[in-house]
Amino acid sequence: MSSVPFIVLAWLATRAVIFAAMFWLAPAHPGWNALTNWDGIWYEHVATVGYEYAPDGRQHDVAFFPLYPLTVAAFMRLLPIPFAIAGAVVNNLAFLLALIVIFDWVRARRNAGTARWVVATLCLLPGSLFTAVAYSEGLYLLLSAAALRSFDRRAYLWAGIAAALASATRLFGVLLFPAFALDALRKRRGGAAYLCALCALAGPLGFALYCNAAFGDPLAFVHVQSAWRTGLGFSFADWEYVIAYGITWKWPYQLAVVLIGLWCFRRRRALGTRTSAIVAFLLAAAELIIWGKEQLTFLLVGVGCVLVIRYRAWLGTAASAYALLGIAIILFSGKPYSVERLAYAIVPITFALAIFWRRYPAVGVAALAVAAVTLPIYAIRFAEGIFVD
């Protein structure tokens, strides 16, 4: 595949940026354990000790699905290396394979140019940090993308296997069930497609059987979520803070940037491609500085939702439904914790962004340039043990 060198280069470049920021630029110069900060600690406990749970309202590692830590544990049996390194190796390799699968899928649905934009976006967005450390993002991206691609090609056996494994990696994988079922119903695909959709329930069902046998509570992985999230539903006050942060004094600057951006967008042909790219970059950087990381949250969730709806005919029914269901879960799961990370793992959102950026490359170049500047900052903060989501 002629695209492999581009994919590998993008993957290697962002890995180099992330690890250089984490181990050379971070003031504390942390060791390998920096790779297991936050959720990585829970995955390490599962991989090295096993699951534990008690109905005491506290956080327990049963909240984390088993396929990733079990894969890392198997890798550690082959090589005598610590979890931090093994977890990062599994995550990074899975992410590389995910990029190859996603490129092939997007190229088949659209074209190679859009596929390159998807790969660049996945590599440069700050969420890429979580595909480099001891987290499950890379594995989930690989399996969910493989399921979507195989379903698109009517390879229902492979789609079912990938969907089952995806739902054993992250609970979000269960959203492939209604997405596939809706596509099968709308296009009258037949019984094989419905059986494939049911496979997406295998992960939670299997985990429920384990939790029932081990702890006497088949929904332990659900009940423990209350220790992380204090309520469900749409939290208007919290999302208002995310989207309109600092509006009491920042609104004139935000309005000025938007008006300048609209004027430049209307004049983009007169300005020329190079000038438009420079102006778009400066405007995107200004918005990022004014709004902070809330701008990235808005980009992935708000803009992502709009673009998925706009390009649903190009994404396909299954991919669009999966993305919109995922965004709905993010919006109605209480406080907006880890919003960017959750949205980043939903491949069709990036697909939709890539279609838009291919049509307006100056905007795309500017957005990715700002993201590339933000990525090492996220890596430094993560290495220092400062929460990034």
Protein backbone atom coordinates (compact mmCIF):
# COMPACT_ATOMS: atom_id res chain seq x y z
CA MET A 1 0.00 0.00 0.00
CA SER A 2 1.61 3.29 -1.14
CA SER A 3 0.01 5.15 1.77
CA VAL A 4 1.89 3.18 4.42
CA PRO A 5 5.02 5.44 4.40
CA PHE A 6 2.83 8.51 4.99
CA ILE A 7 0.95 6.77 7.81
CA VAL A 8 4.13 5.50 9.48
CA LEU A 9 5.79 8.91 9.17
CA ALA A 10 2.80 10.70 10.74
CA TRP A 11 2.68 8.08 13.50
CA LEU A 12 6.43 8.27 14.21
CA ALA A 13 6.51 12.07 14.18
CA THR A 14 3.74 12.45 16.73
CA ARG A 15 5.19 9.67 18.92
CA ALA A 16 8.51 11.54 18.90
CA VAL A 17 6.80 14.80 19.88
CA ILE A 18 4.81 13.19 22.69
CA PHE A 19 7.69 11.24 24.23
CA ALA A 20 10.15 14.12 23.87
CA ALA A 21 7.70 16.39 25.68
CA MET A 22 7.00 13.83 28.40
CA PHE A 23 10.56 12.74 29.17
CA TRP A 24 12.77 15.67 28.13
CA LEU A 25 10.68 18.83 28.36
CA ALA A 26 8.62 18.04 31.48
CA PRO A 27 10.27 19.91 34.40
CA ALA A 28 10.18 16.91 36.77
CA HIS A 29 11.79 14.53 34.20
CA PRO A 30 9.56 11.62 35.21
CA GLY A 31 10.38 7.97 34.58
CA TRP A 32 8.41 5.27 32.79
CA ASN A 33 5.64 5.48 35.38
CA ALA A 34 4.56 8.75 33.78
CA LEU A 35 2.99 6.57 31.11
CA THR A 36 0.54 5.15 33.66
CA ASN A 37 -0.77 8.37 35.17
CA TRP A 38 -4.49 8.55 35.93
CA ASP A 39 -6.38 5.69 34.20
CA GLY A 40 -3.17 3.83 33.47
CA ILE A 41 -2.85 3.02 37.18
CA TRP A 42 -6.17 1.18 37.08
CA TYR A 43 -5.21 -0.75 33.96
CA GLU A 44 -1.93 -1.72 35.61
CA HIS A 45 -3.73 -3.11 38.64
CA VAL A 46 -6.02 -5.21 36.45
CA ALA A 47 -3.10 -6.54 34.37
CA THR A 48 -0.86 -7.38 37.32
CA VAL A 49 -3.24 -8.20 40.20
CA GLY A 50 -6.76 -8.63 38.78
CA TYR A 51 -10.13 -7.01 39.35
CA GLU A 52 -11.47 -5.89 42.71
CA TYR A 53 -14.83 -4.43 43.68
CA ALA A 54 -16.94 -3.63 46.73
CA PRO A 55 -20.32 -1.83 46.77
CA ASP A 56 -18.96 1.03 48.91
CA GLY A 57 -19.42 3.97 46.54
CA ARG A 58 -15.66 4.28 45.95
CA GLN A 59 -13.64 3.96 42.76
CA HIS A 60 -12.68 0.40 41.73
CA ASP A 61 -10.89 -0.99 38.70
CA VAL A 62 -13.94 -3.01 37.62
CA ALA A 63 -14.98 0.20 35.84
CA PHE A 64 -12.39 -0.58 33.17
CA PHE A 65 -13.16 -3.21 30.55
CA PRO A 66 -10.83 -6.22 30.30
CA LEU A 67 -9.49 -6.66 26.76
CA TYR A 68 -6.74 -4.03 26.90
CA PRO A 69 -5.24 -4.97 30.30
CA LEU A 70 -5.49 -8.68 29.42
CA THR A 71 -3.68 -8.03 26.13
CA VAL A 72 -0.94 -6.14 27.97
CA ALA A 73 -0.68 -8.90 30.58
CA ALA A 74 -0.20 -11.46 27.80
CA PHE A 75 2.48 -9.26 26.24
CA MET A 76 4.24 -9.01 29.61
CA ARG A 77 4.37 -12.81 29.78
CA LEU A 78 6.25 -12.87 26.49
CA LEU A 79 8.75 -10.16 27.45
CA PRO A 80 10.00 -9.38 30.98
CA ILE A 81 9.17 -5.68 30.87
CA PRO A 82 7.16 -3.48 33.27
CA PHE A 83 3.52 -2.66 32.64
CA ALA A 84 4.23 0.98 31.73
CA ILE A 85 6.36 -0.01 28.74
CA ALA A 86 4.21 -3.00 27.74
CA GLY A 87 1.03 -0.94 27.96
CA ALA A 88 2.50 1.85 25.84
CA VAL A 89 3.85 -0.60 23.24
CA VAL A 90 0.47 -2.33 22.85
CA ASN A 91 -1.34 1.01 22.62
CA ASN A 92 1.07 2.53 20.09
CA LEU A 93 1.16 -0.53 17.83
CA ALA A 94 -2.62 -0.83 17.95
CA PHE A 95 -2.89 2.84 17.00
CA LEU A 96 -0.56 2.34 14.01
CA LEU A 97 -2.70 -0.56 12.80
CA ALA A 98 -5.81 1.56 13.42
CA LEU A 99 -4.45 4.31 11.17
CA ILE A 100 -3.88 1.78 8.37
CA VAL A 101 -7.39 0.34 8.74
CA ILE A 102 -8.99 3.79 8.95
CA PHE A 103 -7.07 5.05 5.91
CA ASP A 104 -8.22 2.06 3.88
CA TRP A 105 -11.84 2.49 5.01
CA VAL A 106 -11.98 6.25 4.34
CA ARG A 107 -10.25 5.90 0.98
CA ALA A 108 -12.84 3.32 -0.08
CA ARG A 109 -15.74 5.53 1.01
CA ARG A 110 -14.32 8.85 -0.23
CA ASN A 111 -10.78 9.21 -1.61
CA ALA A 112 -7.11 9.06 -0.64
CA GLY A 113 -6.94 12.81 0.01
CA THR A 114 -9.65 12.66 2.67
CA ALA A 115 -8.00 9.57 4.14
CA ARG A 116 -4.73 11.49 4.57
CA TRP A 117 -6.60 14.28 6.35
CA VAL A 118 -8.12 11.71 8.72
CA VAL A 119 -4.72 10.23 9.53
CA ALA A 120 -3.18 13.68 10.08
CA THR A 121 -6.08 14.72 12.30
CA LEU A 122 -5.94 11.59 14.45
CA CYS A 123 -2.18 11.98 14.86
CA LEU A 124 -2.12 15.71 15.64
CA LEU A 125 -5.19 16.28 17.80
CA PRO A 126 -4.28 16.42 21.51
CA GLY A 127 -6.27 13.23 22.05
CA SER A 128 -3.41 11.48 20.25
CA LEU A 129 -1.58 11.63 23.59
CA PHE A 130 -3.83 8.84 24.87
CA THR A 131 -2.79 6.56 22.01
CA ALA A 132 0.84 6.82 23.18
CA VAL A 133 0.56 6.12 26.92
CA ALA A 134 -0.74 3.05 28.79
CA TYR A 135 -4.39 3.60 27.83
CA SER A 136 -6.87 1.64 25.70
CA GLU A 137 -7.49 4.31 23.02
CA GLY A 138 -5.33 2.74 20.32
CA LEU A 139 -6.86 -0.70 20.70
CA TYR A 140 -10.40 0.67 20.75
CA LEU A 141 -9.80 2.79 17.65
CA LEU A 142 -8.43 -0.26 15.83
CA LEU A 143 -11.32 -2.57 16.71
CA SER A 144 -14.16 -0.07 16.24
CA ALA A 145 -12.76 1.09 12.90
CA ALA A 146 -12.27 -2.52 11.77
CA ALA A 147 -15.89 -3.27 12.70
CA LEU A 148 -17.21 -0.27 10.77
CA ARG A 149 -15.08 -1.03 7.71
CA SER A 150 -16.01 -4.71 7.65
CA PHE A 151 -19.73 -3.93 8.08
CA ASP A 152 -19.49 -1.46 5.21
CA ARG A 153 -18.08 -4.27 3.04
CA ARG A 154 -20.72 -6.75 4.21
CA ALA A 155 -18.01 -8.90 5.78
CA TYR A 156 -20.33 -9.62 8.69
CA LEU A 157 -18.22 -12.33 10.34
CA TRP A 158 -15.21 -10.05 10.70
CA ALA A 159 -17.41 -7.09 11.62
CA GLY A 160 -19.05 -9.16 14.37
CA ILE A 161 -15.71 -10.33 15.78
CA ALA A 162 -14.30 -6.80 15.75
CA ALA A 163 -17.47 -5.36 17.32
CA ALA A 164 -17.41 -7.97 20.09
CA LEU A 165 -13.77 -7.20 20.85
CA ALA A 166 -14.39 -3.44 20.71
CA SER A 167 -17.20 -3.77 23.26
CA ALA A 168 -14.84 -5.79 25.46
CA THR A 169 -12.36 -2.89 25.31
CA ARG A 170 -14.64 0.09 26.01
CA LEU A 171 -18.32 0.29 26.94
CA PHE A 172 -18.78 2.68 24.01
CA GLY A 173 -18.37 -0.34 21.74
CA VAL A 174 -21.92 -1.37 22.58
CA LEU A 175 -23.11 1.58 20.44
CA LEU A 176 -22.14 -0.45 17.40
CA PHE A 177 -25.20 -2.62 18.13
CA PRO A 178 -27.88 0.02 17.42
CA ALA A 179 -25.75 1.54 14.65
CA PHE A 180 -25.45 -1.75 12.77
CA ALA A 181 -29.06 -2.71 13.48
CA LEU A 182 -30.33 0.63 12.13
CA ASP A 183 -28.25 0.25 8.98
CA ALA A 184 -29.45 -3.33 8.50
CA LEU A 185 -33.07 -2.23 8.95
CA ARG A 186 -32.78 0.77 6.65
CA LYS A 187 -31.01 -1.12 3.85
CA ARG A 188 -32.72 -4.49 4.44
CA ARG A 189 -29.41 -6.26 4.73
CA GLY A 190 -30.76 -9.56 6.07
CA GLY A 191 -30.24 -11.80 9.09
CA ALA A 192 -26.43 -11.91 8.96
CA ALA A 193 -26.27 -8.15 9.51
CA TYR A 194 -28.54 -8.39 12.57
CA LEU A 195 -26.42 -11.20 14.03
CA CYS A 196 -23.37 -9.02 13.45
CA ALA A 197 -25.06 -6.20 15.36
CA LEU A 198 -25.81 -8.52 18.28
CA CYS A 199 -22.10 -9.35 18.52
CA ALA A 200 -21.51 -5.81 19.81
CA LEU A 201 -23.28 -6.85 23.02
CA ALA A 202 -20.81 -9.68 23.68
CA GLY A 203 -18.30 -7.56 25.60
CA PRO A 204 -20.66 -6.18 28.26
CA LEU A 205 -22.52 -9.48 28.55
CA GLY A 206 -19.31 -11.43 29.03
CA PHE A 207 -18.04 -8.90 31.57
CA ALA A 208 -21.38 -9.05 33.39
CA LEU A 209 -21.06 -12.83 33.71
CA TYR A 210 -17.58 -12.41 35.15
CA CYS A 211 -18.72 -9.72 37.61
CA ASN A 212 -21.60 -11.91 38.74
CA ALA A 213 -19.28 -14.86 39.35
CA ALA A 214 -16.55 -12.82 41.03
CA PHE A 215 -18.53 -10.22 43.00
CA GLY A 216 -22.16 -11.36 42.96
CA ASP A 217 -23.15 -8.24 41.01
CA PRO A 218 -23.44 -8.58 37.21
CA LEU A 219 -23.66 -4.79 36.85
CA ALA A 220 -20.70 -3.96 39.06
CA PHE A 221 -19.00 -2.15 36.16
CA VAL A 222 -22.08 0.06 35.86
CA HIS A 223 -22.67 0.68 39.56
CA VAL A 224 -19.07 1.76 40.13
CA GLN A 225 -19.44 4.57 37.58
CA SER A 226 -21.21 6.67 40.21
CA ALA A 227 -17.83 7.13 41.90
CA TRP A 228 -16.57 8.93 38.78
CA ARG A 229 -19.75 10.67 37.62
CA THR A 230 -22.18 12.12 40.14
CA GLY A 231 -25.24 12.11 37.92
CA LEU A 232 -26.68 11.59 34.47
CA GLY A 233 -28.51 13.94 32.15
CA PHE A 234 -27.53 17.14 30.37
CA SER A 235 -25.70 19.47 32.74
CA PHE A 236 -26.52 22.86 31.25
CA ALA A 237 -24.45 24.85 33.73
CA ASP A 238 -21.32 22.77 33.11
CA TRP A 239 -21.66 22.83 29.34
CA GLU A 240 -22.37 26.54 29.43
CA TYR A 241 -19.05 26.93 31.22
CA VAL A 242 -17.28 24.79 28.61
CA ILE A 243 -18.71 26.60 25.58
CA ALA A 244 -19.00 30.17 26.91
CA TYR A 245 -16.08 30.23 29.34
CA GLY A 246 -15.18 33.77 30.36
CA ILE A 247 -17.95 35.34 28.29
CA THR A 248 -18.41 38.11 30.88
CA TRP A 249 -15.22 39.80 29.72
CA LYS A 250 -13.93 37.82 26.72
CA TRP A 251 -16.91 38.22 24.40
CA PRO A 252 -15.58 41.30 22.52
CA TYR A 253 -12.40 39.42 21.60
CA GLN A 254 -14.32 36.29 20.61
CA LEU A 255 -16.74 38.34 18.50
CA ALA A 256 -13.88 40.17 16.80
CA VAL A 257 -12.13 36.92 15.89
CA VAL A 258 -15.36 35.42 14.52
CA LEU A 259 -16.15 38.52 12.42
CA ILE A 260 -12.61 38.65 11.00
CA GLY A 261 -12.80 34.93 10.28
CA LEU A 262 -16.12 35.30 8.43
CA TRP A 263 -14.77 38.20 6.37
CA CYS A 264 -11.62 36.25 5.44
CA PHE A 265 -13.69 33.18 4.60
CA ARG A 266 -15.79 35.20 2.17
CA ARG A 267 -12.62 36.70 0.66
CA ARG A 268 -10.60 33.46 0.59
CA ARG A 269 -10.30 33.38 -3.20
CA ALA A 270 -9.04 36.94 -3.37
CA LEU A 271 -6.59 36.41 -0.52
CA GLY A 272 -5.07 33.27 -2.06
CA THR A 273 -4.38 29.87 -0.55
CA ARG A 274 -1.16 30.78 1.28
CA THR A 275 -2.49 33.99 2.82
CA SER A 276 -5.75 32.28 3.77
CA ALA A 277 -3.83 29.51 5.54
CA ILE A 278 -1.73 32.01 7.51
CA VAL A 279 -4.79 34.06 8.50
CA ALA A 280 -6.75 30.95 9.46
CA PHE A 281 -3.86 29.75 11.61
CA LEU A 282 -3.60 33.08 13.41
CA LEU A 283 -7.35 33.21 13.99
CA ALA A 284 -7.44 29.62 15.27
CA ALA A 285 -4.52 30.35 17.58
CA ALA A 286 -6.25 33.49 18.86
CA GLU A 287 -9.44 31.55 19.59
CA LEU A 288 -7.45 28.86 21.38
CA ILE A 289 -5.69 31.45 23.53
CA ILE A 290 -8.95 33.26 24.34
CA TRP A 291 -11.04 30.18 25.08
CA GLY A 292 -8.32 27.79 26.23
CA LYS A 293 -8.91 24.04 25.86
CA GLU A 294 -12.67 24.60 25.75
CA GLN A 295 -12.18 25.42 22.08
CA LEU A 296 -11.00 21.87 21.39
CA THR A 297 -13.96 20.45 23.29
CA PHE A 298 -16.32 22.55 21.21
CA LEU A 299 -14.56 21.55 17.99
CA LEU A 300 -14.82 17.81 18.61
CA VAL A 301 -18.29 17.65 20.13
CA GLY A 302 -20.26 20.59 18.77
CA VAL A 303 -18.73 20.95 15.33
CA GLY A 304 -18.31 17.18 15.08
CA CYS A 305 -22.02 16.66 15.64
CA VAL A 306 -22.97 19.22 12.98
CA LEU A 307 -20.54 17.80 10.44
CA VAL A 308 -21.63 14.21 11.01
CA ILE A 309 -25.20 15.28 10.24
CA ARG A 310 -24.01 17.30 7.24
CA TYR A 311 -21.97 14.45 5.75
CA ARG A 312 -24.04 11.46 6.87
CA ALA A 313 -24.62 10.36 3.27
CA TRP A 314 -20.84 10.13 2.75
CA LEU A 315 -20.09 8.50 6.11
CA GLY A 316 -22.79 5.84 5.80
CA THR A 317 -25.75 5.06 8.04
CA ALA A 318 -23.87 2.86 10.50
CA ALA A 319 -20.96 5.27 11.01
CA SER A 320 -23.25 8.31 11.31
CA ALA A 321 -25.55 6.58 13.80
CA TYR A 322 -22.58 5.38 15.84
CA ALA A 323 -21.12 8.90 15.98
CA LEU A 324 -24.39 10.63 16.86
CA LEU A 325 -25.19 8.07 19.56
CA GLY A 326 -21.71 8.54 21.00
CA ILE A 327 -22.10 12.32 21.06
CA ALA A 328 -25.51 11.94 22.73
CA ILE A 329 -23.96 9.77 25.46
CA ILE A 330 -21.22 12.36 25.98
CA LEU A 331 -23.73 15.22 26.20
CA PHE A 332 -26.11 13.43 28.59
CA SER A 333 -23.64 11.75 30.93
CA GLY A 334 -23.58 14.48 33.56
CA LYS A 335 -20.54 16.69 34.00
CA PRO A 336 -18.40 16.94 30.82
CA TYR A 337 -15.42 14.97 32.07
CA SER A 338 -12.97 13.56 29.48
CA VAL A 339 -15.13 14.92 26.68
CA GLU A 340 -12.31 15.39 24.19
CA ARG A 341 -10.88 11.95 24.85
CA LEU A 342 -14.24 10.24 24.43
CA ALA A 343 -15.05 12.16 21.25
CA TYR A 344 -11.58 11.50 19.84
CA ALA A 345 -12.15 7.74 20.03
CA ILE A 346 -15.28 8.02 17.82
CA VAL A 347 -13.70 7.67 14.36
CA PRO A 348 -16.59 9.06 12.23
CA ILE A 349 -16.25 12.45 13.94
CA THR A 350 -12.70 12.73 12.65
CA PHE A 351 -13.90 11.43 9.27
CA ALA A 352 -16.44 14.27 9.08
CA LEU A 353 -13.86 16.86 10.11
CA ALA A 354 -11.50 15.56 7.43
CA ILE A 355 -14.16 15.93 4.71
CA PHE A 356 -14.72 19.53 5.77
CA TRP A 357 -11.02 20.34 5.98
CA ARG A 358 -10.35 18.82 2.57
CA ARG A 359 -12.93 21.18 1.11
CA TYR A 360 -11.43 24.14 3.01
CA PRO A 361 -7.74 23.25 3.42
CA ALA A 362 -6.69 26.61 4.87
CA VAL A 363 -9.02 26.04 7.83
CA GLY A 364 -7.79 22.46 8.16
CA VAL A 365 -4.12 23.41 8.09
CA ALA A 366 -4.74 26.11 10.70
CA ALA A 367 -6.67 23.78 13.00
CA LEU A 368 -4.04 21.05 12.80
CA ALA A 369 -1.21 23.54 13.27
CA VAL A 370 -2.81 24.76 16.49
CA ALA A 371 -3.44 21.17 17.55
CA ALA A 372 0.22 20.31 16.88
CA VAL A 373 1.30 23.13 19.19
CA THR A 374 -1.13 21.97 21.86
CA LEU A 375 -0.13 18.27 21.71
CA PRO A 376 3.26 18.59 23.48
CA ILE A 377 1.68 20.87 26.09
CA TYR A 378 -0.83 18.12 26.88
CA ALA A 379 2.02 15.59 27.03
CA ILE A 380 3.98 17.70 29.52
CA ARG A 381 0.94 18.20 31.72
CA PHE A 382 0.15 14.49 31.66
CA ALA A 383 3.72 13.57 32.58
CA GLU A 384 3.57 16.01 35.49
CA GLY A 385 0.44 14.30 36.80
CA ILE A 386 -1.80 17.25 35.90
CA PHE A 387 -5.22 16.06 34.75
CA VAL A 388 -5.88 16.43 31.03
CA ASP A 389 -9.00 15.03 29.38
